[in-house]
PDB file of N, CA and C in Angstrom:
ATOM      1  N   MET A   1       0.898  -0.914  -0.483  1.00  0.00           N
ATOM      2  CA  MET A   1      -0.018  -0.016   0.037  1.00  0.00           C
ATOM      3  C   MET A   1       1.042   0.937  -0.243  1.00  0.00           C
ATOM      4  N   THR A   2       0.270   2.169  -0.827  1.00  0.00           N
ATOM      5  CA  THR A   2       1.478   3.885  -0.943  1.00  0.00           C
ATOM      6  C   THR A   2       1.078   4.690  -0.465  1.00  0.00           C
ATOM      7  N   ALA A   3       1.350   5.637   0.282  1.00  0.00           N
ATOM      8  CA  ALA A   3       1.178   6.227   0.957  1.00  0.00           C
ATOM      9  C   ALA A   3       0.929   7.415   0.207  1.00  0.00           C
ATOM     10  N   PRO A   4      -0.308   8.188   0.582  1.00  0.00           N
ATOM     11  CA  PRO A   4      -1.472   9.341  -0.038  1.00  0.00           C
ATOM     12  C   PRO A   4      -0.387  10.348  -0.467  1.00  0.00           C
ATOM     13  N   THR A   5      -0.005  10.761  -1.527  1.00  0.00           N
ATOM     14  CA  THR A   5       0.617  12.553  -2.309  1.00  0.00           C
ATOM     15  C   THR A   5      -0.106  13.260  -2.298  1.00  0.00           C
ATOM     16  N   THR A   6       0.119  14.706  -1.696  1.00  0.00           N
ATOM     17  CA  THR A   6      -0.202  15.334  -1.286  1.00  0.00           C
ATOM     18  C   THR A   6       0.321  16.837  -2.731  1.00  0.00           C
ATOM     19  N   THR A   7       0.643  16.282  -3.807  1.00  0.00           N
ATOM     20  CA  THR A   7       1.408  16.866  -5.077  1.00  0.00           C
ATOM     21  C   THR A   7       0.246  16.150  -6.216  1.00  0.00           C
ATOM     22  N   PRO A   8      -0.027  17.602  -6.902  1.00  0.00           N
ATOM     23  CA  PRO A   8      -0.911  17.304  -7.727  1.00  0.00           C
ATOM     24  C   PRO A   8       0.003  16.356  -9.012  1.00  0.00           C
ATOM     25  N   PRO A   9      -0.975  15.282  -9.744  1.00  0.00           N
ATOM     26  CA  PRO A   9      -0.367  14.333 -10.853  1.00  0.00           C
ATOM     27  C   PRO A   9       0.237  15.306 -12.167  1.00  0.00           C
ATOM     28  N   ALA A  10       0.474  16.594 -12.106  1.00  0.00           N
ATOM     29  CA  ALA A  10       0.929  17.358 -13.065  1.00  0.00           C
ATOM     30  C   ALA A  10       2.563  17.148 -12.423  1.00  0.00           C
ATOM     31  N   ALA A  11       2.590  17.350 -10.888  1.00  0.00           N
ATOM     32  CA  ALA A  11       3.593  17.919 -10.535  1.00  0.00           C
ATOM     33  C   ALA A  11       4.953  16.789 -10.620  1.00  0.00           C
ATOM     34  N   ALA A  12       4.476  15.238 -10.786  1.00  0.00           N
ATOM     35  CA  ALA A  12       5.430  13.859 -10.436  1.00  0.00           C
ATOM     36  C   ALA A  12       6.459  14.649 -11.748  1.00  0.00           C
ATOM     37  N   PRO A  13       6.296  15.121 -13.214  1.00  0.00           N
ATOM     38  CA  PRO A  13       7.906  15.348 -13.466  1.00  0.00           C
ATOM     39  C   PRO A  13       8.443  16.703 -13.281  1.00  0.00           C
ATOM     40  N   GLN A  14       7.827  17.894 -11.866  1.00  0.00           N
ATOM     41  CA  GLN A  14       8.819  18.228 -11.580  1.00  0.00           C
ATOM     42  C   GLN A  14       9.395  18.081 -10.361  1.00  0.00           C
ATOM     43  N   LYS A  15       8.707  17.191  -9.588  1.00  0.00           N
ATOM     44  CA  LYS A  15       9.402  16.721  -8.272  1.00  0.00           C
ATOM     45  C   LYS A  15      10.998  15.320  -8.705  1.00  0.00           C
ATOM     46  N   GLU A  16      11.040  15.190  -9.887  1.00  0.00           N
ATOM     47  CA  GLU A  16      11.762  14.719 -10.390  1.00  0.00           C
ATOM     48  C   GLU A  16      13.169  15.511 -10.660  1.00  0.00           C
ATOM     49  N   ASN A  17      12.305  16.062 -11.100  1.00  0.00           N
ATOM     50  CA  ASN A  17      13.280  17.442 -11.781  1.00  0.00           C
ATOM     51  C   ASN A  17      13.704  18.215 -10.302  1.00  0.00           C
ATOM     52  N   GLY A  18      13.331  18.065  -9.576  1.00  0.00           N
ATOM     53  CA  GLY A  18      13.436  18.668  -8.156  1.00  0.00           C
ATOM     54  C   GLY A  18      14.717  17.579  -7.302  1.00  0.00           C
ATOM     55  N   ALA A  19      14.366  16.740  -8.101  1.00  0.00           N
ATOM     56  CA  ALA A  19      15.526  15.955  -7.436  1.00  0.00           C
ATOM     57  C   ALA A  19      17.005  15.664  -8.092  1.00  0.00           C
ATOM     58  N   ALA A  20      16.331  15.678  -9.467  1.00  0.00           N
ATOM     59  CA  ALA A  20      17.371  15.752 -10.295  1.00  0.00           C
ATOM     60  C   ALA A  20      19.106  16.830 -10.068  1.00  0.00           C
ATOM     61  N   GLY A  21      17.630  18.534  -9.533  1.00  0.00           N
ATOM     62  CA  GLY A  21      18.346  19.325  -9.494  1.00  0.00           C
ATOM     63  C   GLY A  21      19.795  19.198  -7.886  1.00  0.00           C
ATOM     64  N   GLU A  22      18.781  18.603  -6.850  1.00  0.00           N
ATOM     65  CA  GLU A  22      19.185  18.387  -5.214  1.00  0.00           C
ATOM     66  C   GLU A  22      20.646  17.438  -5.580  1.00  0.00           C
ATOM     67  N   SER A  23      20.516  16.221  -6.458  1.00  0.00           N
ATOM     68  CA  SER A  23      21.370  15.295  -6.656  1.00  0.00           C
ATOM     69  C   SER A  23      22.646  16.126  -7.782  1.00  0.00           C
ATOM     70  N   THR A  24      22.841  16.819  -8.074  1.00  0.00           N
ATOM     71  CA  THR A  24      23.547  17.848  -9.002  1.00  0.00           C
ATOM     72  C   THR A  24      23.959  18.640  -8.454  1.00  0.00           C
ATOM     73  N   GLY A  25      23.382  19.329  -7.090  1.00  0.00           N
ATOM     74  CA  GLY A  25      23.749  20.731  -7.009  1.00  0.00           C
ATOM     75  C   GLY A  25      23.298  21.857  -7.688  1.00  0.00           C
ATOM     76  N   ALA A  26      21.783  21.553  -8.696  1.00  0.00           N
ATOM     77  CA  ALA A  26      21.628  22.876  -8.722  1.00  0.00           C
ATOM     78  C   ALA A  26      19.834  22.887  -8.988  1.00  0.00           C
ATOM     79  N   LEU A  27      19.928  23.272  -7.183  1.00  0.00           N
ATOM     80  CA  LEU A  27      18.609  22.723  -7.116  1.00  0.00           C
ATOM     81  C   LEU A  27      17.879  24.255  -6.945  1.00  0.00           C
ATOM     82  N   ASP A  28      19.011  25.520  -6.933  1.00  0.00           N
ATOM     83  CA  ASP A  28      17.817  26.545  -7.204  1.00  0.00           C
ATOM     84  C   ASP A  28      17.732  26.761  -8.533  1.00  0.00           C
ATOM     85  N   SER A  29      18.421  26.658  -9.575  1.00  0.00           N
ATOM     86  CA  SER A  29      18.103  26.408 -10.989  1.00  0.00           C
ATOM     87  C   SER A  29      16.998  25.474 -11.096  1.00  0.00           C
ATOM     88  N   MET A  30      16.419  24.369 -10.449  1.00  0.00           N
ATOM     89  CA  MET A  30      15.280  23.341 -11.138  1.00  0.00           C
ATOM     90  C   MET A  30      13.965  24.219 -10.434  1.00  0.00           C
ATOM     91  N   LEU A  31      14.103  24.379  -8.552  1.00  0.00           N
ATOM     92  CA  LEU A  31      13.032  25.028  -8.212  1.00  0.00           C
ATOM     93  C   LEU A  31      12.908  26.521  -8.750  1.00  0.00           C
ATOM     94  N   ALA A  32      13.665  27.288  -9.761  1.00  0.00           N
ATOM     95  CA  ALA A  32      13.187  28.256 -10.463  1.00  0.00           C
ATOM     96  C   ALA A  32      12.166  27.924 -11.900  1.00  0.00           C
ATOM     97  N   LYS A  33      12.518  26.895 -12.284  1.00  0.00           N
ATOM     98  CA  LYS A  33      12.108  26.935 -13.458  1.00  0.00           C
ATOM     99  C   LYS A  33      11.057  25.530 -13.184  1.00  0.00           C
ATOM    100  N   ILE A  34      10.642  25.373 -12.619  1.00  0.00           N
ATOM    101  CA  ILE A  34       9.436  24.818 -11.235  1.00  0.00           C
ATOM    102  C   ILE A  34       8.503  26.105 -11.169  1.00  0.00           C
ATOM    103  N   ALA A  35       8.783  26.662 -10.428  1.00  0.00           N
ATOM    104  CA  ALA A  35       8.324  27.901 -10.410  1.00  0.00           C
ATOM    105  C   ALA A  35       7.944  28.837 -11.445  1.00  0.00           C
ATOM    106  N   GLU A  36       8.792  28.998 -12.575  1.00  0.00           N
ATOM    107  CA  GLU A  36       8.347  29.351 -13.903  1.00  0.00           C
ATOM    108  C   GLU A  36       7.246  28.434 -14.411  1.00  0.00           C
ATOM    109  N   PHE A  37       7.538  27.675 -14.540  1.00  0.00           N
ATOM    110  CA  PHE A  37       6.348  26.272 -14.770  1.00  0.00           C
ATOM    111  C   PHE A  37       5.163  26.461 -14.593  1.00  0.00           C
ATOM    112  N   TYR A  38       4.648  26.673 -13.466  1.00  0.00           N
ATOM    113  CA  TYR A  38       3.989  26.528 -12.366  1.00  0.00           C
ATOM    114  C   TYR A  38       3.272  27.976 -12.478  1.00  0.00           C
ATOM    115  N   GLU A  39       4.100  28.920 -12.570  1.00  0.00           N
ATOM    116  CA  GLU A  39       3.267  30.606 -12.676  1.00  0.00           C
ATOM    117  C   GLU A  39       2.888  31.074 -14.530  1.00  0.00           C
ATOM    118  N   ASP A  40       3.380  29.982 -15.314  1.00  0.00           N
ATOM    119  CA  ASP A  40       2.662  30.312 -16.518  1.00  0.00           C
ATOM    120  C   ASP A  40       1.137  28.965 -16.498  1.00  0.00           C
ATOM    121  N   GLU A  41       0.793  28.750 -15.825  1.00  0.00           N
ATOM    122  CA  GLU A  41       0.476  27.172 -15.967  1.00  0.00           C
ATOM    123  C   GLU A  41      -0.963  28.084 -14.747  1.00  0.00           C
ATOM    124  N   VAL A  42      -0.747  28.759 -13.859  1.00  0.00           N
ATOM    125  CA  VAL A  42      -1.881  30.508 -13.306  1.00  0.00           C
ATOM    126  C   VAL A  42      -1.908  31.387 -14.076  1.00  0.00           C
ATOM    127  N   ASP A  43      -1.135  31.671 -15.063  1.00  0.00           N
ATOM    128  CA  ASP A  43      -1.283  32.995 -15.851  1.00  0.00           C
ATOM    129  C   ASP A  43      -2.612  32.065 -17.409  1.00  0.00           C
ATOM    130  N   ILE A  44      -2.107  31.105 -17.688  1.00  0.00           N
ATOM    131  CA  ILE A  44      -2.943  30.801 -18.822  1.00  0.00           C
ATOM    132  C   ILE A  44      -4.461  30.524 -17.676  1.00  0.00           C
ATOM    133  N   ALA A  45      -4.434  29.995 -16.736  1.00  0.00           N
ATOM    134  CA  ALA A  45      -5.424  29.385 -16.226  1.00  0.00           C
ATOM    135  C   ALA A  45      -6.814  30.558 -15.648  1.00  0.00           C
ATOM    136  N   VAL A  46      -5.706  32.036 -15.217  1.00  0.00           N
ATOM    137  CA  VAL A  46      -6.819  33.503 -15.261  1.00  0.00           C
ATOM    138  C   VAL A  46      -6.648  33.885 -16.026  1.00  0.00           C
ATOM    139  N   ALA A  47      -5.886  33.907 -17.384  1.00  0.00           N
ATOM    140  CA  ALA A  47      -6.339  34.689 -18.365  1.00  0.00           C
ATOM    141  C   ALA A  47      -8.079  33.705 -19.032  1.00  0.00           C
ATOM    142  N   GLY A  48      -8.106  32.227 -18.903  1.00  0.00           N
ATOM    143  CA  GLY A  48      -9.253  32.218 -19.539  1.00  0.00           C
ATOM    144  C   GLY A  48     -10.252  32.377 -18.667  1.00  0.00           C
ATOM    145  N   LEU A  49     -10.351  32.056 -17.295  1.00  0.00           N
ATOM    146  CA  LEU A  49     -11.375  33.109 -16.300  1.00  0.00           C
ATOM    147  C   LEU A  49     -11.593  34.257 -16.766  1.00  0.00           C
ATOM    148  N   VAL A  50     -11.096  35.347 -17.110  1.00  0.00           N
ATOM    149  CA  VAL A  50     -11.235  36.663 -17.240  1.00  0.00           C
ATOM    150  C   VAL A  50     -11.740  36.507 -18.870  1.00  0.00           C
ATOM    151  N   ALA A  51     -11.674  36.211 -19.926  1.00  0.00           N
ATOM    152  CA  ALA A  51     -12.133  35.507 -21.018  1.00  0.00           C
ATOM    153  C   ALA A  51     -13.505  35.137 -21.039  1.00  0.00           C
ATOM    154  N   VAL A  52     -13.525  34.942 -20.084  1.00  0.00           N
ATOM    155  CA  VAL A  52     -15.473  34.261 -19.546  1.00  0.00           C
ATOM    156  C   VAL A  52     -16.116  35.273 -18.384  1.00  0.00           C
ATOM    157  N   LEU A  53     -15.339  35.284 -17.739  1.00  0.00           N
ATOM    158  CA  LEU A  53     -16.381  36.679 -17.078  1.00  0.00           C
ATOM    159  C   LEU A  53     -16.577  38.073 -17.657  1.00  0.00           C
ATOM    160  N   GLU A  54     -15.492  38.113 -19.074  1.00  0.00           N
ATOM    161  CA  GLU A  54     -15.853  39.961 -18.856  1.00  0.00           C
ATOM    162  C   GLU A  54     -16.993  40.166 -20.040  1.00  0.00           C
ATOM    163  N   PRO A  55     -17.436  39.028 -20.875  1.00  0.00           N
ATOM    164  CA  PRO A  55     -18.921  39.217 -21.531  1.00  0.00           C
ATOM    165  C   PRO A  55     -20.000  39.236 -20.432  1.00  0.00           C
ATOM    166  N   VAL A  56     -19.753  37.606 -19.520  1.00  0.00           N
ATOM    167  CA  VAL A  56     -20.457  38.362 -18.253  1.00  0.00           C
ATOM    168  C   VAL A  56     -21.133  39.614 -17.814  1.00  0.00           C
ATOM    169  N   LEU A  57     -20.183  40.052 -17.746  1.00  0.00           N
ATOM    170  CA  LEU A  57     -19.458  41.263 -16.346  1.00  0.00           C
ATOM    171  C   LEU A  57     -20.690  42.421 -17.469  1.00  0.00           C
ATOM    172  N   ILE A  58     -19.901  42.573 -18.813  1.00  0.00           N
ATOM    173  CA  ILE A  58     -20.583  43.489 -19.371  1.00  0.00           C
ATOM    174  C   ILE A  58     -22.298  43.373 -19.675  1.00  0.00           C
ATOM    175  N   SER A  59     -22.401  42.051 -19.893  1.00  0.00           N
ATOM    176  CA  SER A  59     -23.898  42.536 -19.804  1.00  0.00           C
ATOM    177  C   SER A  59     -24.545  42.256 -18.727  1.00  0.00           C
ATOM    178  N   ILE A  60     -24.086  42.574 -17.522  1.00  0.00           N
ATOM    179  CA  ILE A  60     -24.717  42.535 -16.118  1.00  0.00           C
ATOM    180  C   ILE A  60     -24.822  44.077 -16.332  1.00  0.00           C
ATOM    181  N   LEU A  61     -23.636  44.697 -16.816  1.00  0.00           N
ATOM    182  CA  LEU A  61     -23.850  46.078 -16.454  1.00  0.00           C
ATOM    183  C   LEU A  61     -24.377  46.809 -17.390  1.00  0.00           C
ATOM    184  N   GLY A  62     -24.914  46.585 -18.839  1.00  0.00           N
ATOM    185  CA  GLY A  62     -25.445  46.927 -19.784  1.00  0.00           C
ATOM    186  C   GLY A  62     -27.276  46.313 -19.084  1.00  0.00           C
ATOM    187  N   VAL A  63     -27.385  45.866 -18.300  1.00  0.00           N
ATOM    188  CA  VAL A  63     -28.751  45.770 -18.020  1.00  0.00           C
ATOM    189  C   VAL A  63     -28.737  46.685 -16.471  1.00  0.00           C
ATOM    190  N   ILE A  64     -27.991  46.903 -15.969  1.00  0.00           N
ATOM    191  CA  ILE A  64     -27.836  47.620 -15.319  1.00  0.00           C
ATOM    192  C   ILE A  64     -28.244  48.839 -15.911  1.00  0.00           C
ATOM    193  N   VAL A  65     -27.678  49.861 -16.431  1.00  0.00           N
ATOM    194  CA  VAL A  65     -27.432  50.738 -17.449  1.00  0.00           C
ATOM    195  C   VAL A  65     -28.533  50.946 -17.825  1.00  0.00           C
ATOM    196  N   GLY A  66     -29.021  50.249 -18.524  1.00  0.00           N
ATOM    197  CA  GLY A  66     -30.800  50.485 -19.361  1.00  0.00           C
ATOM    198  C   GLY A  66     -32.115  50.065 -18.087  1.00  0.00           C
ATOM    199  N   GLY A  67     -31.756  49.495 -17.407  1.00  0.00           N
ATOM    200  CA  GLY A  67     -32.924  49.912 -15.903  1.00  0.00           C
ATOM    201  C   GLY A  67     -32.871  51.176 -15.710  1.00  0.00           C
ATOM    202  N   ILE A  68     -31.565  52.128 -15.399  1.00  0.00           N
ATOM    203  CA  ILE A  68     -31.456  52.946 -14.808  1.00  0.00           C
ATOM    204  C   ILE A  68     -32.390  53.940 -15.825  1.00  0.00           C
ATOM    205  N   VAL A  69     -32.101  54.137 -16.960  1.00  0.00           N
ATOM    206  CA  VAL A  69     -32.130  54.638 -18.653  1.00  0.00           C
ATOM    207  C   VAL A  69     -34.136  54.848 -18.456  1.00  0.00           C
ATOM    208  N   ILE A  70     -34.650  53.377 -18.258  1.00  0.00           N
ATOM    209  CA  ILE A  70     -36.126  53.052 -18.493  1.00  0.00           C
ATOM    210  C   ILE A  70     -36.828  53.667 -16.988  1.00  0.00           C
ATOM    211  N   SER A  71     -35.796  53.872 -15.559  1.00  0.00           N
ATOM    212  CA  SER A  71     -36.561  54.491 -14.553  1.00  0.00           C
ATOM    213  C   SER A  71     -36.739  55.945 -14.985  1.00  0.00           C
ATOM    214  N   MET A  72     -35.737  56.252 -15.954  1.00  0.00           N
ATOM    215  CA  MET A  72     -35.617  57.556 -15.813  1.00  0.00           C
ATOM    216  C   MET A  72     -36.741  58.692 -17.401  1.00  0.00           C
ATOM    217  N   TYR A  73     -37.143  57.608 -17.910  1.00  0.00           N
ATOM    218  CA  TYR A  73     -37.754  57.710 -19.189  1.00  0.00           C
ATOM    219  C   TYR A  73     -38.983  57.917 -19.146  1.00  0.00           C
ATOM    220  N   LEU A  74     -39.465  56.468 -18.376  1.00  0.00           N
ATOM    221  CA  LEU A  74     -40.945  55.771 -18.033  1.00  0.00           C
ATOM    222  C   LEU A  74     -41.584  57.572 -17.448  1.00  0.00           C
ATOM    223  N   PRO A  75     -41.531  57.909 -16.301  1.00  0.00           N
ATOM    224  CA  PRO A  75     -41.982  58.823 -15.682  1.00  0.00           C
ATOM    225  C   PRO A  75     -42.142  60.227 -16.588  1.00  0.00           C
ATOM    226  N   LEU A  76     -41.517  60.294 -17.170  1.00  0.00           N
ATOM    227  CA  LEU A  76     -41.766  61.581 -18.817  1.00  0.00           C
ATOM    228  C   LEU A  76     -43.032  61.075 -19.676  1.00  0.00           C
ATOM    229  N   PHE A  77     -42.662  59.911 -20.090  1.00  0.00           N
ATOM    230  CA  PHE A  77     -43.756  59.582 -20.969  1.00  0.00           C
ATOM    231  C   PHE A  77     -44.626  59.687 -20.592  1.00  0.00           C
ATOM    232  N   ASP A  78     -44.892  59.066 -19.039  1.00  0.00           N
ATOM    233  CA  ASP A  78     -46.480  59.396 -18.215  1.00  0.00           C
ATOM    234  C   ASP A  78     -46.864  60.652 -18.396  1.00  0.00           C
ATOM    235  N   LEU A  79     -45.573  61.462 -17.844  1.00  0.00           N
ATOM    236  CA  LEU A  79     -46.155  63.218 -17.698  1.00  0.00           C
ATOM    237  C   LEU A  79     -46.859  63.581 -18.897  1.00  0.00           C
ATOM    238  N   ILE A  80     -45.914  63.017 -20.366  1.00  0.00           N
ATOM    239  CA  ILE A  80     -46.139  63.875 -21.670  1.00  0.00           C
ATOM    240  C   ILE A  80     -47.824  63.283 -21.742  1.00  0.00           C
ATOM    241  N   ASN A  81     -47.817  62.153 -22.055  1.00  0.00           N
ATOM    242  CA  ASN A  81     -49.399  61.737 -22.069  1.00  0.00           C
ATOM    243  C   ASN A  81     -50.486  62.177 -20.994  1.00  0.00           C
ATOM    244  N   GLN A  82     -50.103  62.382 -19.883  1.00  0.00           N
ATOM    245  CA  GLN A  82     -51.615  62.847 -19.031  1.00  0.00           C
ATOM    246  C   GLN A  82     -51.574  64.287 -19.656  1.00  0.00           C
ATOM    247  N   LEU A  83     -50.420  65.290 -19.916  1.00  0.00           N
ATOM    248  CA  LEU A  83     -50.227  66.919 -19.978  1.00  0.00           C
ATOM    249  C   LEU A  83     -50.628  67.065 -21.760  1.00  0.00           C
ATOM    250  N   SER A  84     -50.729  65.979 -22.323  1.00  0.00           N
ATOM    251  CA  SER A  84     -51.298  65.958 -23.808  1.00  0.00           C
ATOM    252  C   SER A  84     -52.841  65.929 -23.940  1.00  0.00           C
ATOM    253  N   LYS A  85     -53.356  64.763 -23.064  1.00  0.00           N
ATOM    254  CA  LYS A  85     -54.487  64.851 -22.690  1.00  0.00           C
ATOM    255  C   LYS A  85     -55.170  65.887 -22.165  1.00  0.00           C
ATOM    256  N   HIS A  86     -54.936  67.016 -22.043  1.00  0.00           N
ATOM    257  CA  HIS A  86     -55.536  68.381 -21.061  1.00  0.00           C
ATOM    258  C   HIS A  86     -55.870  69.239 -22.553  1.00  0.00           C
TER     259      HIS A  86
END
């Protein structure tokens, strides 16, 4: 039976690179490469999230602005209709 691991499956090759860096004495450069790899993955994930959220936020803002415009003009139209009847 194997012990549970806390590293994600994508980190397995990175774990081996860290071990190789430790054995060769270049641990700092290997850790820098691993950090750059994960930083790129996070940047890609954030860019995808922003691409999904941007149209949603624009639509919500459009509904809010449209509601404000309608709430401003409807009383004016009612007033004009009442004044034109007299």
